[in-house]
Amino acid sequence: MEELPTKLTFEQQLNLFKERGVNVQIDDRSINTVKIIGYYKLKEFAFPLSKVVEDNDGNKVRMLLS
């Protein structure tokens, strides 16, 4: 049986954005924004500003253009 992905807290979702190159402050306002808009909708808005790169382990990940 396939294991389901673990649910991330709103703070963990913001940390994931940070890991992927998004300049975000983790505070009450940012957490509330993720609660209201949602991680996937924010990710959709950022998609045109990103590209696929390889991380240190050789995995392909999408990062924000700098």
N, C-alpha and C. Protein backbone atom coordinates (compact mmCIF):
# COMPACT_ATOMS: atom_id res chain seq x y z
N MET A 1 0.84 -1.18 0.00
CA MET A 1 0.00 0.00 0.00
C MET A 1 0.88 1.25 0.00
N GLU A 2 0.52 2.21 -0.83
CA GLU A 2 1.31 3.43 -0.97
C GLU A 2 1.10 4.35 0.23
N GLU A 3 2.20 4.90 0.75
CA GLU A 3 2.12 5.79 1.91
C GLU A 3 1.69 7.18 1.46
N LEU A 4 0.75 7.78 2.19
CA LEU A 4 0.28 9.12 1.87
C LEU A 4 1.29 10.16 2.36
N PRO A 5 1.37 11.29 1.66
CA PRO A 5 2.28 12.34 2.12
C PRO A 5 1.84 12.87 3.49
N THR A 6 2.80 13.32 4.28
CA THR A 6 2.46 13.87 5.58
C THR A 6 1.94 15.30 5.43
N LYS A 7 1.01 15.67 6.29
CA LYS A 7 0.44 17.00 6.26
C LYS A 7 1.40 17.96 6.95
N LEU A 8 1.70 19.08 6.29
CA LEU A 8 2.61 20.08 6.85
C LEU A 8 1.81 21.17 7.55
N THR A 9 2.37 21.68 8.64
CA THR A 9 1.75 22.83 9.30
C THR A 9 1.95 24.04 8.40
N PHE A 10 1.26 25.13 8.71
CA PHE A 10 1.40 26.34 7.90
C PHE A 10 2.83 26.89 7.99
N GLU A 11 3.44 26.77 9.15
CA GLU A 11 4.83 27.22 9.31
C GLU A 11 5.77 26.34 8.48
N GLN A 12 5.54 25.05 8.45
CA GLN A 12 6.36 24.15 7.64
C GLN A 12 6.18 24.44 6.15
N GLN A 13 4.98 24.83 5.75
CA GLN A 13 4.74 25.19 4.35
C GLN A 13 5.55 26.43 3.98
N LEU A 14 5.60 27.42 4.88
CA LEU A 14 6.41 28.61 4.63
C LEU A 14 7.89 28.27 4.58
N ASN A 15 8.33 27.35 5.44
CA ASN A 15 9.72 26.91 5.40
C ASN A 15 10.04 26.23 4.07
N LEU A 16 9.09 25.50 3.53
CA LEU A 16 9.28 24.85 2.23
C LEU A 16 9.45 25.90 1.13
N PHE A 17 8.66 26.97 1.20
CA PHE A 17 8.84 28.07 0.26
C PHE A 17 10.25 28.65 0.39
N LYS A 18 10.72 28.86 1.62
CA LYS A 18 12.06 29.40 1.84
C LYS A 18 13.12 28.49 1.25
N GLU A 19 12.98 27.18 1.45
CA GLU A 19 13.94 26.22 0.90
C GLU A 19 13.99 26.29 -0.61
N ARG A 20 12.89 26.69 -1.22
CA ARG A 20 12.81 26.74 -2.68
C ARG A 20 13.11 28.12 -3.24
N GLY A 21 13.67 29.01 -2.39
CA GLY A 21 14.15 30.29 -2.89
C GLY A 21 13.21 31.46 -2.76
N VAL A 22 12.07 31.30 -2.12
CA VAL A 22 11.13 32.41 -1.96
C VAL A 22 11.56 33.20 -0.73
N ASN A 23 11.64 34.52 -0.87
CA ASN A 23 12.00 35.40 0.24
C ASN A 23 10.73 35.66 1.05
N VAL A 24 10.59 34.95 2.15
CA VAL A 24 9.38 35.07 2.97
C VAL A 24 9.77 35.13 4.44
N GLN A 25 9.08 35.97 5.19
CA GLN A 25 9.26 36.03 6.64
C GLN A 25 8.23 35.10 7.27
N ILE A 26 8.66 34.35 8.25
CA ILE A 26 7.73 33.45 8.93
C ILE A 26 7.22 34.18 10.17
N ASP A 27 6.07 34.81 10.02
CA ASP A 27 5.43 35.54 11.11
C ASP A 27 3.93 35.28 11.05
N ASP A 28 3.20 35.87 11.97
CA ASP A 28 1.76 35.64 12.03
C ASP A 28 1.03 36.05 10.75
N ARG A 29 1.48 37.15 10.14
CA ARG A 29 0.84 37.63 8.91
C ARG A 29 1.02 36.63 7.76
N SER A 30 2.25 36.11 7.61
CA SER A 30 2.53 35.14 6.55
C SER A 30 1.76 33.84 6.78
N ILE A 31 1.74 33.39 8.02
CA ILE A 31 1.00 32.16 8.34
C ILE A 31 -0.48 32.35 8.04
N ASN A 32 -1.03 33.50 8.38
CA ASN A 32 -2.44 33.77 8.10
C ASN A 32 -2.71 33.81 6.60
N THR A 33 -1.77 34.34 5.83
CA THR A 33 -1.92 34.39 4.37
C THR A 33 -1.99 32.97 3.80
N VAL A 34 -1.12 32.08 4.26
CA VAL A 34 -1.15 30.69 3.78
C VAL A 34 -2.46 30.02 4.20
N LYS A 35 -2.95 30.33 5.39
CA LYS A 35 -4.21 29.76 5.85
C LYS A 35 -5.36 30.18 4.94
N ILE A 36 -5.38 31.46 4.54
CA ILE A 36 -6.49 31.99 3.74
C ILE A 36 -6.37 31.60 2.28
N ILE A 37 -5.20 31.86 1.67
CA ILE A 37 -5.02 31.62 0.23
C ILE A 37 -4.69 30.17 -0.05
N GLY A 38 -3.81 29.59 0.74
CA GLY A 38 -3.43 28.19 0.55
C GLY A 38 -2.09 28.06 -0.14
N TYR A 39 -1.36 27.03 0.26
CA TYR A 39 -0.02 26.77 -0.27
C TYR A 39 -0.04 26.57 -1.78
N TYR A 40 -0.97 25.76 -2.26
CA TYR A 40 -0.95 25.41 -3.69
C TYR A 40 -1.33 26.58 -4.58
N LYS A 41 -2.19 27.47 -4.11
CA LYS A 41 -2.54 28.66 -4.90
C LYS A 41 -1.34 29.61 -4.95
N LEU A 42 -0.65 29.78 -3.81
CA LEU A 42 0.56 30.61 -3.80
C LEU A 42 1.63 30.01 -4.70
N LYS A 43 1.76 28.69 -4.66
CA LYS A 43 2.73 28.00 -5.51
C LYS A 43 2.39 28.22 -6.98
N GLU A 44 1.10 28.21 -7.31
CA GLU A 44 0.65 28.44 -8.68
C GLU A 44 1.03 29.84 -9.15
N PHE A 45 0.89 30.84 -8.28
CA PHE A 45 1.27 32.21 -8.63
C PHE A 45 2.77 32.33 -8.89
N ALA A 46 3.58 31.57 -8.15
CA ALA A 46 5.03 31.65 -8.26
C ALA A 46 5.58 30.84 -9.43
N PHE A 47 4.79 29.95 -10.00
CA PHE A 47 5.27 29.05 -11.05
C PHE A 47 5.95 29.77 -12.22
N PRO A 48 5.37 30.85 -12.78
CA PRO A 48 6.05 31.50 -13.91
C PRO A 48 7.39 32.13 -13.55
N LEU A 49 7.65 32.32 -12.26
CA LEU A 49 8.88 32.94 -11.81
C LEU A 49 9.93 31.92 -11.38
N SER A 50 9.73 30.66 -11.76
CA SER A 50 10.62 29.59 -11.29
C SER A 50 11.22 28.80 -12.44
N LYS A 51 12.21 27.96 -12.08
CA LYS A 51 12.82 27.07 -13.07
C LYS A 51 13.23 25.79 -12.35
N VAL A 52 13.47 24.72 -13.10
CA VAL A 52 13.88 23.44 -12.53
C VAL A 52 15.40 23.40 -12.49
N VAL A 53 15.94 23.06 -11.30
CA VAL A 53 17.38 22.93 -11.11
C VAL A 53 17.65 21.65 -10.33
N GLU A 54 18.92 21.23 -10.31
CA GLU A 54 19.30 20.05 -9.52
C GLU A 54 19.79 20.51 -8.16
N ASP A 55 19.35 19.80 -7.11
CA ASP A 55 19.83 20.11 -5.77
C ASP A 55 21.14 19.37 -5.50
N ASN A 56 21.66 19.45 -4.28
CA ASN A 56 22.94 18.83 -3.94
C ASN A 56 22.92 17.31 -4.07
N ASP A 57 21.74 16.70 -3.96
CA ASP A 57 21.61 15.25 -4.06
C ASP A 57 21.34 14.77 -5.49
N GLY A 58 21.29 15.70 -6.44
CA GLY A 58 21.02 15.33 -7.82
C GLY A 58 19.54 15.26 -8.16
N ASN A 59 18.68 15.62 -7.21
CA ASN A 59 17.24 15.62 -7.47
C ASN A 59 16.84 16.90 -8.19
N LYS A 60 15.88 16.81 -9.09
CA LYS A 60 15.39 17.99 -9.78
C LYS A 60 14.31 18.65 -8.93
N VAL A 61 14.50 19.93 -8.65
CA VAL A 61 13.54 20.70 -7.85
C VAL A 61 13.27 22.01 -8.55
N ARG A 62 12.12 22.59 -8.28
CA ARG A 62 11.74 23.87 -8.87
C ARG A 62 12.12 24.98 -7.90
N MET A 63 12.90 25.95 -8.39
CA MET A 63 13.38 27.05 -7.56
C MET A 63 12.95 28.36 -8.18
N LEU A 64 12.78 29.36 -7.34
CA LEU A 64 12.45 30.70 -7.81
C LEU A 64 13.65 31.29 -8.52
N LEU A 65 13.41 31.96 -9.65
CA LEU A 65 14.49 32.61 -10.40
C LEU A 65 15.08 33.72 -9.55
N SER A 66 16.38 33.87 -9.61
CA SER A 66 17.02 34.96 -8.85
C SER A 66 17.60 36.00 -9.75
